[in-house]
Each structure stands twice: as structure tokens, then as C-alpha cells.
């Protein structure tokens, strides 16, 4: 199959041809920045959940029920997922 290149007839056709001939990515730089922010929130939330266990299985440690693990960490993870959805859905500026 041979594709013949023809010169556009009008200025509007020329703009359309220029738009289609340039390669465009799905995301822009700003989208990737927001995605990194969301990923950082998710990682921070999971890191806050770490720990609180006991070295001795016969000793109960109350630290597993503190505010950090039960409330703050899940909220950070949820916020991270919301930021990720925002980063994916955000349209580039024209």
C-alpha cells in the first residue's frame, strides 16, 4: 500500500494535518507529578501501618490499636488513591 502525501488545500486542513502528524502522549508532565504524589501518599500510608507487633507471642501489645494504624494510615491510602484517579482523569490544557 502506498500512501500518497498531498498538500493541504486550506489553512484548516493544514492545522488538522499538523495535529495528526505530531505524536501526543496520553499524559503530560503534570499528570505524572500528580501520580507520584498519589503514590507517595499510598506508600506513606502503608509505612504507617507497619509495626505494633510483639516479639513474644504470649504478650499482647496495645500499640496495634493506636490512631496511627487504625485511622491515619487508611485515610492516607484512600487519599492516595483519590489523587491517582485525579491524575489519570485530568485532561491536558490546550
N, C-alpha and C. Protein backbone atom coordinates (compact mmCIF):
# COMPACT_ATOMS: atom_id res chain seq x y z
N UNK A 1 0.84 -1.17 0.00
CA UNK A 1 0.00 0.00 0.00
C UNK A 1 0.88 1.24 0.00
N UNK A 2 0.62 2.08 -0.92
CA UNK A 2 1.33 3.34 -0.99
C UNK A 2 0.43 4.45 -0.46
N UNK A 3 0.99 5.24 0.41
CA UNK A 3 0.26 6.39 0.93
C UNK A 3 0.84 7.62 0.25
N UNK A 4 0.00 8.29 -0.49
CA UNK A 4 0.46 9.49 -1.19
C UNK A 4 0.27 10.69 -0.29
N UNK A 5 1.31 11.49 -0.22
CA UNK A 5 1.23 12.72 0.55
C UNK A 5 0.77 13.83 -0.37
N UNK A 6 -0.31 14.44 0.01
CA UNK A 6 -0.83 15.56 -0.77
C UNK A 6 -0.73 16.82 0.06
N UNK A 7 -0.59 17.92 -0.59
CA UNK A 7 -0.52 19.20 0.11
C UNK A 7 -1.93 19.61 0.52
N UNK A 8 -2.07 20.09 1.75
CA UNK A 8 -3.39 20.53 2.19
C UNK A 8 -3.85 21.75 1.40
N UNK A 9 -5.14 21.81 1.14
CA UNK A 9 -5.69 22.88 0.32
C UNK A 9 -5.91 24.15 1.11
N UNK A 10 -6.40 24.05 2.36
CA UNK A 10 -6.73 25.24 3.12
C UNK A 10 -5.92 25.27 4.43
N UNK A 11 -6.00 26.41 5.11
CA UNK A 11 -5.28 26.56 6.37
C UNK A 11 -5.85 25.62 7.43
N UNK A 12 -7.17 25.40 7.37
CA UNK A 12 -7.80 24.49 8.33
C UNK A 12 -7.32 23.07 8.13
N UNK A 13 -7.21 22.64 6.89
CA UNK A 13 -6.71 21.30 6.61
C UNK A 13 -5.25 21.17 7.04
N UNK A 14 -4.50 22.24 6.91
CA UNK A 14 -3.09 22.23 7.30
C UNK A 14 -2.95 22.05 8.82
N UNK A 15 -3.80 22.77 9.60
CA UNK A 15 -3.78 22.63 11.06
C UNK A 15 -4.16 21.22 11.47
N UNK A 16 -5.17 20.64 10.82
CA UNK A 16 -5.60 19.30 11.13
C UNK A 16 -4.49 18.30 10.83
N UNK A 17 -3.81 18.49 9.72
CA UNK A 17 -2.71 17.61 9.35
C UNK A 17 -1.56 17.72 10.34
N UNK A 18 -1.27 18.93 10.81
CA UNK A 18 -0.21 19.11 11.79
C UNK A 18 -0.55 18.45 13.12
N UNK A 19 -1.81 18.55 13.55
CA UNK A 19 -2.23 17.93 14.80
C UNK A 19 -2.13 16.41 14.73
N UNK A 20 -2.51 15.83 13.61
CA UNK A 20 -2.48 14.37 13.49
C UNK A 20 -1.08 13.85 13.25
N UNK A 21 -0.20 14.65 12.68
CA UNK A 21 1.13 14.16 12.38
C UNK A 21 2.06 14.20 13.59
N UNK A 22 1.77 15.03 14.58
CA UNK A 22 2.62 15.06 15.77
C UNK A 22 2.16 13.99 16.75
N UNK A 23 3.13 13.33 17.37
CA UNK A 23 2.81 12.27 18.33
C UNK A 23 2.47 12.89 19.67
N UNK A 24 1.35 12.50 20.24
CA UNK A 24 0.93 13.01 21.53
C UNK A 24 0.86 11.87 22.53
N UNK A 25 1.34 12.14 23.72
CA UNK A 25 1.28 11.15 24.79
C UNK A 25 -0.05 11.26 25.51
N UNK A 26 -0.42 10.20 26.19
CA UNK A 26 -1.70 10.20 26.91
C UNK A 26 -1.65 11.14 28.11
N UNK A 27 -0.48 11.22 28.76
CA UNK A 27 -0.33 12.06 29.94
C UNK A 27 0.72 13.13 29.68
N UNK A 28 0.55 14.24 30.39
CA UNK A 28 1.55 15.29 30.33
C UNK A 28 2.39 15.23 31.60
N UNK A 29 3.34 16.13 31.70
CA UNK A 29 4.25 16.16 32.83
C UNK A 29 3.49 16.36 34.15
N UNK A 30 2.47 17.19 34.12
CA UNK A 30 1.69 17.47 35.32
C UNK A 30 0.95 16.22 35.81
N UNK A 31 0.46 15.40 34.88
CA UNK A 31 -0.21 14.16 35.26
C UNK A 31 0.75 13.23 36.01
N UNK A 32 1.97 13.14 35.51
CA UNK A 32 2.95 12.28 36.16
C UNK A 32 3.32 12.81 37.54
N UNK A 33 3.38 14.12 37.70
CA UNK A 33 3.66 14.69 39.02
C UNK A 33 2.56 14.32 40.01
N UNK A 34 1.30 14.44 39.58
CA UNK A 34 0.19 14.07 40.45
C UNK A 34 0.21 12.58 40.78
N UNK A 35 0.60 11.75 39.80
CA UNK A 35 0.68 10.32 40.04
C UNK A 35 1.75 10.00 41.08
N UNK A 36 2.87 10.71 41.03
CA UNK A 36 3.92 10.50 42.03
C UNK A 36 3.47 10.94 43.43
N UNK A 37 2.70 12.03 43.49
CA UNK A 37 2.16 12.48 44.78
C UNK A 37 1.21 11.42 45.34
N UNK A 38 0.35 10.88 44.51
CA UNK A 38 -0.57 9.84 44.96
C UNK A 38 0.17 8.59 45.41
N UNK A 39 1.19 8.20 44.66
CA UNK A 39 1.98 7.04 45.03
C UNK A 39 2.69 7.26 46.37
N UNK A 40 3.21 8.47 46.58
CA UNK A 40 3.87 8.79 47.85
C UNK A 40 2.89 8.71 49.02
N UNK A 41 1.66 9.17 48.82
CA UNK A 41 0.64 9.07 49.87
C UNK A 41 0.32 7.62 50.20
N UNK A 42 0.20 6.80 49.18
CA UNK A 42 -0.10 5.39 49.39
C UNK A 42 1.03 4.70 50.14
N UNK A 43 2.26 4.95 49.71
CA UNK A 43 3.41 4.34 50.38
C UNK A 43 3.50 4.82 51.83
N UNK A 44 3.28 6.12 52.05
CA UNK A 44 3.32 6.65 53.42
C UNK A 44 2.25 5.99 54.29
N UNK A 45 1.08 5.76 53.75
CA UNK A 45 0.03 5.09 54.50
C UNK A 45 0.39 3.68 54.88
N UNK A 46 0.97 2.94 53.95
CA UNK A 46 1.37 1.57 54.27
C UNK A 46 2.53 1.54 55.26
N UNK A 47 3.44 2.50 55.15
CA UNK A 47 4.54 2.56 56.11
C UNK A 47 4.05 2.87 57.52
N UNK A 48 3.00 3.68 57.62
CA UNK A 48 2.44 3.98 58.94
C UNK A 48 1.75 2.77 59.57
N UNK A 49 1.35 1.81 58.76
CA UNK A 49 0.71 0.61 59.29
C UNK A 49 1.72 -0.41 59.81
N UNK A 50 2.97 -0.26 59.45
CA UNK A 50 3.99 -1.23 59.85
C UNK A 50 4.22 -1.18 61.35
N UNK A 51 4.47 -2.34 61.92
CA UNK A 51 4.87 -2.42 63.32
C UNK A 51 3.70 -2.62 64.26
N UNK A 52 4.01 -2.46 65.54
CA UNK A 52 3.00 -2.60 66.57
C UNK A 52 2.84 -4.01 67.08
N UNK A 53 3.62 -4.93 66.50
CA UNK A 53 3.52 -6.30 66.97
C UNK A 53 4.37 -6.52 68.21
N UNK A 54 4.34 -7.72 68.70
CA UNK A 54 5.10 -8.07 69.90
C UNK A 54 6.12 -9.14 69.54
N UNK A 55 7.28 -9.07 70.18
CA UNK A 55 8.30 -10.08 69.95
C UNK A 55 7.93 -11.41 70.60
N UNK A 56 7.24 -11.33 71.70
CA UNK A 56 6.81 -12.53 72.42
C UNK A 56 5.34 -12.80 72.08
N UNK A 57 5.01 -13.96 71.53
CA UNK A 57 3.61 -14.23 71.15
C UNK A 57 2.65 -14.33 72.34
N UNK A 58 3.18 -14.44 73.55
CA UNK A 58 2.32 -14.56 74.73
C UNK A 58 2.02 -13.20 75.37
N UNK A 59 2.61 -12.13 74.80
CA UNK A 59 2.42 -10.79 75.35
C UNK A 59 1.63 -9.97 74.34
N UNK A 60 0.54 -9.39 74.79
CA UNK A 60 -0.30 -8.56 73.90
C UNK A 60 0.20 -7.12 73.92
N UNK A 61 0.33 -6.53 72.74
CA UNK A 61 0.81 -5.16 72.62
C UNK A 61 -0.35 -4.26 72.21
N UNK A 62 -0.65 -3.26 72.99
CA UNK A 62 -1.75 -2.33 72.71
C UNK A 62 -1.46 -1.38 71.55
N UNK A 63 -0.23 -1.31 71.09
CA UNK A 63 0.15 -0.36 70.04
C UNK A 63 -0.52 -0.66 68.69
N UNK A 64 -1.04 -1.86 68.55
CA UNK A 64 -1.69 -2.17 67.27
C UNK A 64 -3.03 -1.45 67.12
N UNK A 65 -3.56 -0.92 68.19
CA UNK A 65 -4.85 -0.22 68.13
C UNK A 65 -4.72 1.29 68.26
N UNK A 66 -3.58 1.87 67.92
CA UNK A 66 -3.43 3.32 68.08
C UNK A 66 -4.00 4.06 66.87
N UNK A 67 -4.10 5.37 67.01
CA UNK A 67 -4.69 6.24 65.98
C UNK A 67 -3.96 6.13 64.65
N UNK A 68 -2.65 6.03 64.72
CA UNK A 68 -1.83 5.99 63.51
C UNK A 68 -2.19 4.81 62.61
N UNK A 69 -2.35 3.65 63.18
CA UNK A 69 -2.61 2.45 62.39
C UNK A 69 -4.07 2.26 62.01
N UNK A 70 -4.97 2.69 62.87
CA UNK A 70 -6.39 2.45 62.59
C UNK A 70 -7.07 3.56 61.82
N UNK A 71 -6.57 4.79 61.90
CA UNK A 71 -7.27 5.91 61.28
C UNK A 71 -6.41 6.64 60.26
N UNK A 72 -5.24 7.09 60.68
CA UNK A 72 -4.40 7.93 59.83
C UNK A 72 -3.91 7.19 58.58
N UNK A 73 -3.37 6.01 58.75
CA UNK A 73 -2.83 5.25 57.62
C UNK A 73 -3.89 4.92 56.57
N UNK A 74 -5.06 4.40 56.93
CA UNK A 74 -6.07 4.14 55.90
C UNK A 74 -6.55 5.41 55.20
N UNK A 75 -6.63 6.52 55.94
CA UNK A 75 -7.03 7.78 55.30
C UNK A 75 -5.98 8.24 54.29
N UNK A 76 -4.71 8.07 54.62
CA UNK A 76 -3.65 8.43 53.66
C UNK A 76 -3.70 7.56 52.42
N UNK A 77 -3.94 6.29 52.61
CA UNK A 77 -4.04 5.38 51.47
C UNK A 77 -5.23 5.75 50.59
N UNK A 78 -6.36 6.01 51.20
CA UNK A 78 -7.54 6.42 50.45
C UNK A 78 -7.30 7.73 49.70
N UNK A 79 -6.66 8.69 50.36
CA UNK A 79 -6.33 9.96 49.71
C UNK A 79 -5.38 9.73 48.53
N UNK A 80 -4.45 8.82 48.69
CA UNK A 80 -3.53 8.49 47.60
C UNK A 80 -4.25 7.93 46.39
N UNK A 81 -5.22 7.07 46.62
CA UNK A 81 -5.99 6.51 45.51
C UNK A 81 -6.85 7.59 44.84
N UNK A 82 -7.38 8.51 45.60
CA UNK A 82 -8.17 9.60 45.02
C UNK A 82 -7.27 10.48 44.15
N UNK A 83 -6.06 10.77 44.63
CA UNK A 83 -5.13 11.57 43.84
C UNK A 83 -4.73 10.83 42.56
N UNK A 84 -4.56 9.51 42.64
CA UNK A 84 -4.23 8.73 41.45
C UNK A 84 -5.35 8.80 40.41
N UNK A 85 -6.58 8.69 40.86
CA UNK A 85 -7.72 8.79 39.92
C UNK A 85 -7.77 10.17 39.31
N UNK A 86 -7.53 11.19 40.13
CA UNK A 86 -7.49 12.56 39.60
C UNK A 86 -6.38 12.70 38.56
N UNK A 87 -5.21 12.14 38.83
CA UNK A 87 -4.09 12.25 37.91
C UNK A 87 -4.39 11.57 36.57
N UNK A 88 -5.10 10.47 36.62
CA UNK A 88 -5.43 9.75 35.39
C UNK A 88 -6.51 10.49 34.60
N UNK A 89 -7.49 11.04 35.29
CA UNK A 89 -8.62 11.68 34.62
C UNK A 89 -8.35 13.12 34.18
N UNK A 90 -7.32 13.75 34.72
CA UNK A 90 -7.04 15.15 34.41
C UNK A 90 -6.67 15.31 32.93
N UNK A 91 -7.37 16.21 32.30
CA UNK A 91 -7.11 16.47 30.88
C UNK A 91 -6.02 17.51 30.72
N UNK A 92 -5.23 17.38 29.68
CA UNK A 92 -4.19 18.40 29.46
C UNK A 92 -4.79 19.71 28.99
N UNK A 93 -4.10 20.76 29.30
CA UNK A 93 -4.56 22.08 28.86
C UNK A 93 -4.26 22.27 27.38
N UNK A 94 -5.19 22.87 26.66
CA UNK A 94 -4.98 23.15 25.23
C UNK A 94 -4.66 24.60 25.01
